[in-house]
Amino acid sequence: MKTVFVLLAEGFEEIEAITVVDVLRRAGIDTVIVATGNELTVSGGHGVAVRANRLFAETDFSRGSMVVLPGGGEGTRNLAAHAGVAGVLREYSAAGRYIAAICAAPSVPGEMGLLAGKKAACYPGFEENLTGADVMDCPVVVDGNVVTSRGPATAMAFALKLVELLAGEETARDVAEGMLF
């Protein structure tokens, strides 16, 4: 079974995180919410508190197929400041495993040079943080093992693309239809 780790840092964009978790779980994909701080409860940028499944320090990322970075200004800054997140991104990139990021969060792998030579999307105003990337004005962009998306309004399309990549087109279509999307 494929496992996806959704990383939550204080100030994350709630709709981007919860949409991804909900849609992946509807598709039957093992989805683990990981708190990057020292507490399981993480507060989003709009005051919605989410209880993670486990702490970053206690997570074995080696069994994962994908790591997802929700955006949000403060959440993205906190992800970027976390040394462990950078290590996981480097490990996944080197192994060809999926790195998915939405909104401001593509700037995290972008500033690390992991998007160089790849097509990518991000929230308007963060383009300069995608070092060496070919920035696209598209809701969702897939280039090899990297999936990026623009922001809150694209969260559903982003989540369904992740399902398609991990479980196939038919599963993604079934989940979308079941949600009347």
Protein backbone atom coordinates (compact mmCIF):
# COMPACT_ATOMS: atom_id res chain seq x y z
CA MET A 1 0.00 0.00 0.00
CA LYS A 2 1.19 3.49 -0.83
CA THR A 3 1.70 5.90 2.04
CA VAL A 4 1.47 9.69 1.85
CA PHE A 5 2.80 12.01 4.53
CA VAL A 6 1.07 15.40 4.81
CA LEU A 7 3.28 17.79 6.78
CA LEU A 8 1.57 20.36 8.97
CA ALA A 9 3.47 23.35 10.34
CA GLU A 10 1.89 26.09 12.44
CA GLY A 11 0.03 28.49 10.13
CA PHE A 12 -0.69 25.94 7.36
CA GLU A 13 -3.50 26.66 4.87
CA GLU A 14 -6.37 24.54 6.17
CA ILE A 15 -8.29 23.94 2.93
CA GLU A 16 -5.15 22.73 1.18
CA ALA A 17 -4.24 20.26 3.93
CA ILE A 18 -7.69 18.91 4.78
CA THR A 19 -8.81 18.59 1.16
CA VAL A 20 -5.74 16.50 0.35
CA VAL A 21 -6.14 14.27 3.43
CA ASP A 22 -9.87 13.77 2.85
CA VAL A 23 -9.60 12.98 -0.87
CA LEU A 24 -6.62 10.63 -0.49
CA ARG A 25 -8.37 8.71 2.29
CA ARG A 26 -11.56 8.44 0.21
CA ALA A 27 -9.37 6.79 -2.42
CA GLY A 28 -8.13 4.26 0.14
CA ILE A 29 -4.60 5.69 0.23
CA ASP A 30 -2.79 5.47 3.57
CA THR A 31 -2.49 9.16 4.50
CA VAL A 32 -0.57 10.20 7.60
CA ILE A 33 -0.81 13.72 9.01
CA VAL A 34 2.56 14.68 10.48
CA ALA A 35 3.03 17.63 12.86
CA THR A 36 6.39 19.31 12.37
CA GLY A 37 6.40 20.80 15.86
CA ASN A 38 6.40 19.23 19.31
CA GLU A 39 2.61 18.92 19.68
CA LEU A 40 0.13 16.77 17.77
CA THR A 41 -2.35 19.65 17.53
CA VAL A 42 -1.37 22.17 14.86
CA SER A 43 -3.16 25.48 14.26
CA GLY A 44 -3.79 26.60 10.72
CA GLY A 45 -3.55 30.13 9.41
CA HIS A 46 -7.26 30.72 10.00
CA GLY A 47 -7.41 29.31 13.51
CA VAL A 48 -8.54 25.79 12.66
CA ALA A 49 -6.72 23.30 14.87
CA VAL A 50 -5.98 19.86 13.43
CA ARG A 51 -4.75 16.87 15.38
CA ALA A 52 -1.97 15.10 13.52
CA ASN A 53 -1.45 11.34 13.56
CA ARG A 54 2.17 11.62 14.64
CA LEU A 55 5.08 13.93 15.27
CA PHE A 56 7.77 14.52 12.65
CA ALA A 57 10.53 13.32 15.01
CA GLU A 58 8.72 9.98 15.45
CA THR A 59 8.00 9.36 11.76
CA ASP A 60 9.82 6.90 9.52
CA PHE A 61 9.55 8.54 6.11
CA SER A 62 11.39 5.70 4.34
CA ARG A 63 8.17 3.81 3.61
CA GLY A 64 6.43 6.75 1.95
CA SER A 65 5.47 7.18 -1.67
CA MET A 66 4.77 10.91 -1.41
CA VAL A 67 5.25 13.88 0.88
CA VAL A 68 2.75 16.77 0.66
CA LEU A 69 3.43 20.35 1.72
CA PRO A 70 0.30 22.48 2.22
CA GLY A 71 0.85 26.21 1.82
CA GLY A 72 -0.08 29.23 3.85
CA GLY A 73 2.38 32.05 4.42
CA GLU A 74 3.30 31.25 8.02
CA GLY A 75 3.04 27.50 7.44
CA THR A 76 5.40 27.69 4.48
CA ARG A 77 7.93 29.76 6.45
CA ASN A 78 7.78 27.17 9.24
CA LEU A 79 8.24 24.27 6.82
CA ALA A 80 11.24 26.04 5.27
CA ALA A 81 12.80 26.65 8.69
CA HIS A 82 12.54 22.97 9.71
CA ALA A 83 15.83 21.18 8.94
CA GLY A 84 14.14 17.78 8.98
CA VAL A 85 11.71 18.79 6.23
CA ALA A 86 14.64 19.74 3.99
CA GLY A 87 16.21 16.34 4.64
CA VAL A 88 13.03 14.48 3.71
CA LEU A 89 12.64 16.54 0.53
CA ARG A 90 16.22 15.81 -0.52
CA GLU A 91 15.73 12.09 0.22
CA TYR A 92 12.47 11.90 -1.76
CA SER A 93 13.92 13.87 -4.66
CA ALA A 94 17.00 11.64 -4.88
CA ALA A 95 14.85 8.49 -4.75
CA GLY A 96 12.41 9.76 -7.37
CA ARG A 97 9.52 9.66 -4.89
CA TYR A 98 6.76 12.24 -5.18
CA ILE A 99 7.06 15.70 -3.68
CA ALA A 100 3.76 17.60 -3.81
CA ALA A 101 3.37 21.23 -2.76
CA ILE A 102 0.60 23.79 -3.11
CA CYS A 103 0.24 27.56 -2.82
CA ALA A 104 3.36 29.14 -1.25
CA ALA A 105 4.82 25.74 -0.31
CA PRO A 106 6.49 25.03 -3.69
CA SER A 107 8.94 27.71 -2.57
CA VAL A 108 10.36 25.25 -0.01
CA PRO A 109 11.73 22.73 -2.55
CA GLY A 110 12.16 25.65 -4.96
CA GLU A 111 14.60 27.49 -2.72
CA MET A 112 16.47 24.21 -2.25
CA GLY A 113 16.98 23.94 -6.03
CA LEU A 114 14.81 20.80 -6.27
CA LEU A 115 12.54 22.38 -8.91
CA ALA A 116 15.38 23.49 -11.20
CA GLY A 117 14.63 22.47 -14.78
CA LYS A 118 11.07 21.45 -13.91
CA LYS A 119 7.70 22.96 -14.69
CA ALA A 120 5.93 24.16 -11.54
CA ALA A 121 3.06 26.29 -10.25
CA CYS A 122 2.73 28.38 -7.11
CA TYR A 123 0.70 31.13 -5.48
CA PRO A 124 1.18 34.45 -7.33
CA GLY A 125 4.11 36.37 -5.91
CA PHE A 126 6.20 33.31 -5.03
CA GLU A 127 7.53 32.68 -8.55
CA GLU A 128 11.01 34.03 -7.76
CA ASN A 129 11.34 31.40 -5.01
CA LEU A 130 11.10 28.54 -7.52
CA THR A 131 14.79 28.69 -8.41
CA GLY A 132 15.42 27.46 -11.94
CA ALA A 133 11.84 26.29 -12.50
CA ASP A 134 9.67 27.02 -15.53
CA VAL A 135 6.74 28.59 -13.69
CA MET A 136 3.37 27.80 -15.24
CA ASP A 137 0.04 29.58 -14.82
CA CYS A 138 -1.90 26.31 -14.44
CA PRO A 139 -4.00 24.95 -11.56
CA VAL A 140 -1.86 21.81 -11.18
CA VAL A 141 1.48 20.93 -12.76
CA VAL A 142 3.12 17.50 -12.77
CA ASP A 143 6.74 17.21 -13.88
CA GLY A 144 8.32 13.87 -13.12
CA ASN A 145 8.13 13.27 -9.38
CA VAL A 146 7.07 16.85 -8.55
CA VAL A 147 3.44 17.99 -8.30
CA THR A 148 2.67 21.65 -7.65
CA SER A 149 -0.48 23.73 -7.49
CA ARG A 150 -1.47 27.38 -7.18
CA GLY A 151 -3.57 27.77 -4.04
CA PRO A 152 -6.77 27.26 -2.05
CA ALA A 153 -9.08 27.27 -5.08
CA THR A 154 -7.02 24.52 -6.74
CA ALA A 155 -6.91 22.22 -3.69
CA MET A 156 -9.51 19.77 -5.04
CA ALA A 157 -7.88 19.48 -8.46
CA PHE A 158 -4.51 19.05 -6.73
CA ALA A 159 -5.83 16.30 -4.42
CA LEU A 160 -7.49 14.43 -7.28
CA LYS A 161 -4.28 14.59 -9.33
CA LEU A 162 -2.44 13.02 -6.38
CA VAL A 163 -5.03 10.21 -6.31
CA GLU A 164 -4.61 9.71 -10.06
CA LEU A 165 -0.83 9.44 -9.72
CA LEU A 166 -0.98 7.01 -6.80
CA ALA A 167 -4.11 4.95 -7.52
CA GLY A 168 -4.93 5.51 -11.18
CA GLU A 169 -7.30 7.53 -13.33
CA GLU A 170 -10.32 5.34 -12.64
CA THR A 171 -9.99 5.73 -8.87
CA ALA A 172 -9.56 9.49 -9.20
CA ARG A 173 -12.66 9.65 -11.40
CA ASP A 174 -14.68 7.52 -8.96
CA VAL A 175 -13.68 9.69 -6.00
CA ALA A 176 -14.50 12.89 -7.94
CA GLU A 177 -17.90 11.55 -9.01
CA GLY A 178 -18.70 10.38 -5.48
CA MET A 179 -18.01 13.90 -4.26
CA LEU A 180 -20.08 15.46 -7.09
CA PHE A 181 -16.97 17.21 -8.40
